């Protein structure tokens, strides 16, 4: 069992930056692939980024590639999403996710079947 708590969301102007954090409470954190997903109002949840259990590989949605960076600190049970050059279309609730599947599978399944989710943190980007 893994509990996930996101933080770091807020209101930012277009072109600005935010860093989201996800604190994981539970055993075996370093065994889990971790990911960030988002859901805008009236839209389906979408994949943002995932990272392998050891941080050795990362995967990004085309819409955020080059602007967002996912990272993890297994010693601190933390996952981060650094978001730069934010755009109004990045406005959404961002969710942290954890699963024993692979980071690629989390990406390909768009989060379907993922076992653990945080409650989300709202990011609002004004134009």
Foldseek 3Di string as FASTA:
>chain_A
DKAKAKDWADEEAAQAKIKMKIAIDDPDLLLKKKAKWWDAPPGDIAGAKIAFSNRPDMDGDPVQPPFWDWGDDVVRRMIMIIGGRDDQVVWTWMKMFIANDGRVVCNVVRNPPTDYIYPTDTHGYHD
